[in-house]
Amino acid sequence: MITKKKKAEIMSKAQVHDKDTGSAEVQIAILTKRITDLATHLKKNQKDNHSRRGLIQIVADRRTHLKYLEKKSKKRYDSIVKKLALK
């Protein structure tokens, strides 16, 4: 679970401008944090299939955002992938 404070911190690192809360970069950063949290949970709780299904959905959602950003602006895509150390 991401607290408001952690979410604000993640958003500040990925923002395009000061009041940016919903750009693709911000959404990708938040989804990445949720993925890492769920992945650590699933390492401890291997039989939690409900959370595993949620993880797969979140990964697919992030992939969709990444494809959109790559199609719209390759430069922004490259910068967010580098920032978050994806791929």
N, C-alpha and C. Protein backbone atom coordinates (compact mmCIF):
# COMPACT_ATOMS: atom_id res chain seq x y z
N MET A 1 0.84 -1.18 0.00
CA MET A 1 0.00 0.00 0.00
C MET A 1 0.89 1.25 0.00
N ILE A 2 0.60 2.14 -0.89
CA ILE A 2 1.38 3.37 -0.99
C ILE A 2 0.66 4.46 -0.21
N THR A 3 1.37 5.07 0.74
CA THR A 3 0.79 6.17 1.51
C THR A 3 0.80 7.44 0.68
N LYS A 4 0.06 8.43 1.12
CA LYS A 4 0.00 9.71 0.40
C LYS A 4 1.38 10.36 0.33
N LYS A 5 2.14 10.23 1.40
CA LYS A 5 3.47 10.84 1.46
C LYS A 5 4.41 10.18 0.45
N LYS A 6 4.40 8.84 0.39
CA LYS A 6 5.24 8.13 -0.58
C LYS A 6 4.81 8.44 -2.01
N LYS A 7 3.49 8.52 -2.21
CA LYS A 7 2.97 8.81 -3.54
C LYS A 7 3.39 10.20 -4.00
N ALA A 8 3.34 11.17 -3.09
CA ALA A 8 3.76 12.54 -3.42
C ALA A 8 5.25 12.58 -3.75
N GLU A 9 6.03 11.80 -3.03
CA GLU A 9 7.47 11.73 -3.28
C GLU A 9 7.76 11.13 -4.65
N ILE A 10 7.06 10.07 -4.99
CA ILE A 10 7.22 9.41 -6.30
C ILE A 10 6.82 10.37 -7.41
N MET A 11 5.69 11.07 -7.19
CA MET A 11 5.21 12.01 -8.20
C MET A 11 6.19 13.16 -8.42
N SER A 12 6.80 13.64 -7.35
CA SER A 12 7.73 14.77 -7.50
C SER A 12 8.96 14.39 -8.32
N LYS A 13 9.36 13.12 -8.26
CA LYS A 13 10.52 12.68 -9.03
C LYS A 13 10.21 12.50 -10.51
N ALA A 14 8.95 12.19 -10.84
CA ALA A 14 8.60 11.86 -12.22
C ALA A 14 7.81 12.96 -12.93
N GLN A 15 7.52 14.06 -12.25
CA GLN A 15 6.69 15.10 -12.83
C GLN A 15 7.33 15.78 -14.02
N VAL A 16 6.48 16.16 -14.98
CA VAL A 16 6.93 16.91 -16.15
C VAL A 16 6.98 18.40 -15.79
N HIS A 17 6.00 18.87 -15.02
CA HIS A 17 5.96 20.25 -14.52
C HIS A 17 5.46 20.23 -13.09
N ASP A 18 5.42 21.38 -12.43
CA ASP A 18 5.14 21.45 -11.00
C ASP A 18 3.80 20.87 -10.57
N LYS A 19 2.74 21.11 -11.33
CA LYS A 19 1.41 20.66 -10.93
C LYS A 19 1.00 19.37 -11.63
N ASP A 20 1.94 18.65 -12.15
CA ASP A 20 1.66 17.42 -12.89
C ASP A 20 1.34 16.28 -11.93
N THR A 21 0.12 15.72 -12.07
CA THR A 21 -0.26 14.60 -11.22
C THR A 21 -0.73 13.40 -12.01
N GLY A 22 -0.94 13.54 -13.31
CA GLY A 22 -1.53 12.44 -14.05
C GLY A 22 -0.89 12.13 -15.38
N SER A 23 0.28 12.66 -15.65
CA SER A 23 0.93 12.36 -16.93
C SER A 23 1.35 10.90 -16.96
N ALA A 24 1.68 10.43 -18.13
CA ALA A 24 2.07 9.03 -18.28
C ALA A 24 3.30 8.70 -17.43
N GLU A 25 4.22 9.63 -17.33
CA GLU A 25 5.43 9.39 -16.54
C GLU A 25 5.10 9.16 -15.07
N VAL A 26 4.20 9.99 -14.53
CA VAL A 26 3.81 9.87 -13.12
C VAL A 26 3.09 8.55 -12.89
N GLN A 27 2.18 8.21 -13.79
CA GLN A 27 1.44 6.97 -13.65
C GLN A 27 2.35 5.75 -13.73
N ILE A 28 3.32 5.79 -14.63
CA ILE A 28 4.28 4.69 -14.75
C ILE A 28 5.10 4.54 -13.48
N ALA A 29 5.52 5.67 -12.90
CA ALA A 29 6.32 5.63 -11.68
C ALA A 29 5.51 5.05 -10.51
N ILE A 30 4.25 5.43 -10.39
CA ILE A 30 3.41 4.91 -9.31
C ILE A 30 3.15 3.42 -9.51
N LEU A 31 2.86 3.03 -10.74
CA LEU A 31 2.64 1.61 -11.02
C LEU A 31 3.89 0.78 -10.74
N THR A 32 5.06 1.33 -11.05
CA THR A 32 6.31 0.62 -10.79
C THR A 32 6.50 0.38 -9.30
N LYS A 33 6.18 1.38 -8.49
CA LYS A 33 6.28 1.23 -7.03
C LYS A 33 5.32 0.15 -6.53
N ARG A 34 4.08 0.15 -7.06
CA ARG A 34 3.11 -0.87 -6.67
C ARG A 34 3.58 -2.26 -7.08
N ILE A 35 4.21 -2.36 -8.26
CA ILE A 35 4.71 -3.65 -8.73
C ILE A 35 5.80 -4.17 -7.81
N THR A 36 6.73 -3.31 -7.42
CA THR A 36 7.81 -3.77 -6.54
C THR A 36 7.27 -4.19 -5.18
N ASP A 37 6.28 -3.45 -4.66
CA ASP A 37 5.69 -3.82 -3.38
C ASP A 37 4.97 -5.17 -3.47
N LEU A 38 4.20 -5.37 -4.53
CA LEU A 38 3.48 -6.63 -4.69
C LEU A 38 4.43 -7.80 -4.93
N ALA A 39 5.51 -7.54 -5.65
CA ALA A 39 6.47 -8.61 -5.92
C ALA A 39 7.12 -9.09 -4.63
N THR A 40 7.46 -8.16 -3.74
CA THR A 40 8.05 -8.58 -2.46
C THR A 40 7.02 -9.32 -1.61
N HIS A 41 5.76 -8.90 -1.67
CA HIS A 41 4.70 -9.60 -0.95
C HIS A 41 4.56 -11.04 -1.46
N LEU A 42 4.61 -11.20 -2.78
CA LEU A 42 4.42 -12.53 -3.36
C LEU A 42 5.61 -13.46 -3.13
N LYS A 43 6.78 -12.89 -2.86
CA LYS A 43 7.92 -13.74 -2.52
C LYS A 43 7.70 -14.39 -1.16
N LYS A 44 7.03 -13.67 -0.25
CA LYS A 44 6.75 -14.21 1.07
C LYS A 44 5.51 -15.11 1.07
N ASN A 45 4.53 -14.73 0.26
CA ASN A 45 3.24 -15.43 0.23
C ASN A 45 3.03 -16.03 -1.16
N GLN A 46 3.62 -17.15 -1.40
CA GLN A 46 3.64 -17.73 -2.74
C GLN A 46 2.28 -18.25 -3.20
N LYS A 47 1.40 -18.55 -2.27
CA LYS A 47 0.09 -19.12 -2.65
C LYS A 47 -1.01 -18.06 -2.77
N ASP A 48 -0.66 -16.80 -2.68
CA ASP A 48 -1.62 -15.71 -2.77
C ASP A 48 -1.93 -15.42 -4.23
N ASN A 49 -2.84 -16.20 -4.80
CA ASN A 49 -3.14 -16.09 -6.22
C ASN A 49 -3.95 -14.85 -6.56
N HIS A 50 -4.71 -14.33 -5.61
CA HIS A 50 -5.49 -13.12 -5.86
C HIS A 50 -4.55 -11.93 -6.07
N SER A 51 -3.53 -11.84 -5.25
CA SER A 51 -2.55 -10.75 -5.41
C SER A 51 -1.72 -10.96 -6.68
N ARG A 52 -1.46 -12.18 -7.02
CA ARG A 52 -0.70 -12.48 -8.25
C ARG A 52 -1.46 -11.99 -9.48
N ARG A 53 -2.77 -12.20 -9.47
CA ARG A 53 -3.61 -11.73 -10.57
C ARG A 53 -3.59 -10.20 -10.65
N GLY A 54 -3.64 -9.55 -9.49
CA GLY A 54 -3.55 -8.09 -9.45
C GLY A 54 -2.22 -7.59 -9.98
N LEU A 55 -1.16 -8.30 -9.63
CA LEU A 55 0.17 -7.93 -10.12
C LEU A 55 0.24 -8.01 -11.64
N ILE A 56 -0.32 -9.07 -12.19
CA ILE A 56 -0.32 -9.23 -13.65
C ILE A 56 -1.09 -8.10 -14.31
N GLN A 57 -2.20 -7.68 -13.72
CA GLN A 57 -2.98 -6.58 -14.26
C GLN A 57 -2.22 -5.26 -14.19
N ILE A 58 -1.53 -5.03 -13.09
CA ILE A 58 -0.76 -3.79 -12.94
C ILE A 58 0.39 -3.75 -13.94
N VAL A 59 1.06 -4.88 -14.14
CA VAL A 59 2.15 -4.95 -15.11
C VAL A 59 1.63 -4.66 -16.51
N ALA A 60 0.47 -5.21 -16.84
CA ALA A 60 -0.13 -4.96 -18.16
C ALA A 60 -0.51 -3.49 -18.32
N ASP A 61 -1.01 -2.88 -17.26
CA ASP A 61 -1.37 -1.47 -17.31
C ASP A 61 -0.14 -0.60 -17.51
N ARG A 62 0.94 -0.92 -16.80
CA ARG A 62 2.18 -0.16 -16.97
C ARG A 62 2.72 -0.32 -18.39
N ARG A 63 2.65 -1.52 -18.92
CA ARG A 63 3.11 -1.79 -20.29
C ARG A 63 2.31 -0.96 -21.30
N THR A 64 1.00 -0.83 -21.06
CA THR A 64 0.15 -0.01 -21.93
C THR A 64 0.57 1.45 -21.88
N HIS A 65 0.84 1.97 -20.68
CA HIS A 65 1.29 3.35 -20.54
C HIS A 65 2.65 3.55 -21.23
N LEU A 66 3.53 2.57 -21.09
CA LEU A 66 4.84 2.67 -21.72
C LEU A 66 4.73 2.67 -23.24
N LYS A 67 3.87 1.83 -23.79
CA LYS A 67 3.66 1.81 -25.24
C LYS A 67 3.12 3.14 -25.74
N TYR A 68 2.17 3.70 -25.00
CA TYR A 68 1.60 5.00 -25.36
C TYR A 68 2.68 6.07 -25.37
N LEU A 69 3.49 6.10 -24.33
CA LEU A 69 4.53 7.12 -24.22
C LEU A 69 5.58 6.95 -25.29
N GLU A 70 5.92 5.71 -25.62
CA GLU A 70 6.91 5.46 -26.67
C GLU A 70 6.39 5.95 -28.02
N LYS A 71 5.10 5.72 -28.27
CA LYS A 71 4.50 6.15 -29.53
C LYS A 71 4.40 7.67 -29.59
N LYS A 72 4.07 8.31 -28.47
CA LYS A 72 3.87 9.75 -28.43
C LYS A 72 5.19 10.52 -28.44
N SER A 73 6.14 10.10 -27.60
CA SER A 73 7.41 10.82 -27.48
C SER A 73 8.51 9.85 -27.06
N LYS A 74 9.34 9.49 -27.98
CA LYS A 74 10.44 8.54 -27.71
C LYS A 74 11.40 9.11 -26.67
N LYS A 75 11.61 10.42 -26.69
CA LYS A 75 12.53 11.07 -25.76
C LYS A 75 12.04 10.95 -24.32
N ARG A 76 10.75 11.21 -24.10
CA ARG A 76 10.17 11.08 -22.76
C ARG A 76 10.17 9.63 -22.31
N TYR A 77 9.90 8.71 -23.24
CA TYR A 77 9.92 7.27 -22.94
C TYR A 77 11.32 6.85 -22.47
N ASP A 78 12.33 7.26 -23.21
CA ASP A 78 13.71 6.89 -22.84
C ASP A 78 14.09 7.45 -21.47
N SER A 79 13.67 8.67 -21.19
CA SER A 79 14.04 9.28 -19.91
C SER A 79 13.37 8.56 -18.73
N ILE A 80 12.09 8.19 -18.87
CA ILE A 80 11.41 7.52 -17.75
C ILE A 80 11.94 6.09 -17.57
N VAL A 81 12.27 5.43 -18.66
CA VAL A 81 12.84 4.08 -18.54
C VAL A 81 14.19 4.14 -17.83
N LYS A 82 14.96 5.15 -18.14
CA LYS A 82 16.27 5.32 -17.50
C LYS A 82 16.11 5.68 -16.02
N LYS A 83 15.17 6.59 -15.70
CA LYS A 83 14.94 7.01 -14.32
C LYS A 83 14.53 5.84 -13.44
N LEU A 84 13.64 4.99 -13.96
CA LEU A 84 13.09 3.90 -13.17
C LEU A 84 13.86 2.60 -13.32
N ALA A 85 14.87 2.61 -14.16
CA ALA A 85 15.71 1.43 -14.41
C ALA A 85 14.86 0.24 -14.88
N LEU A 86 14.03 0.49 -15.88
CA LEU A 86 13.20 -0.57 -16.45
C LEU A 86 13.92 -1.24 -17.60
N LYS A 87 13.49 -2.44 -17.91
CA LYS A 87 14.04 -3.27 -19.00
C LYS A 87 15.45 -3.67 -18.70
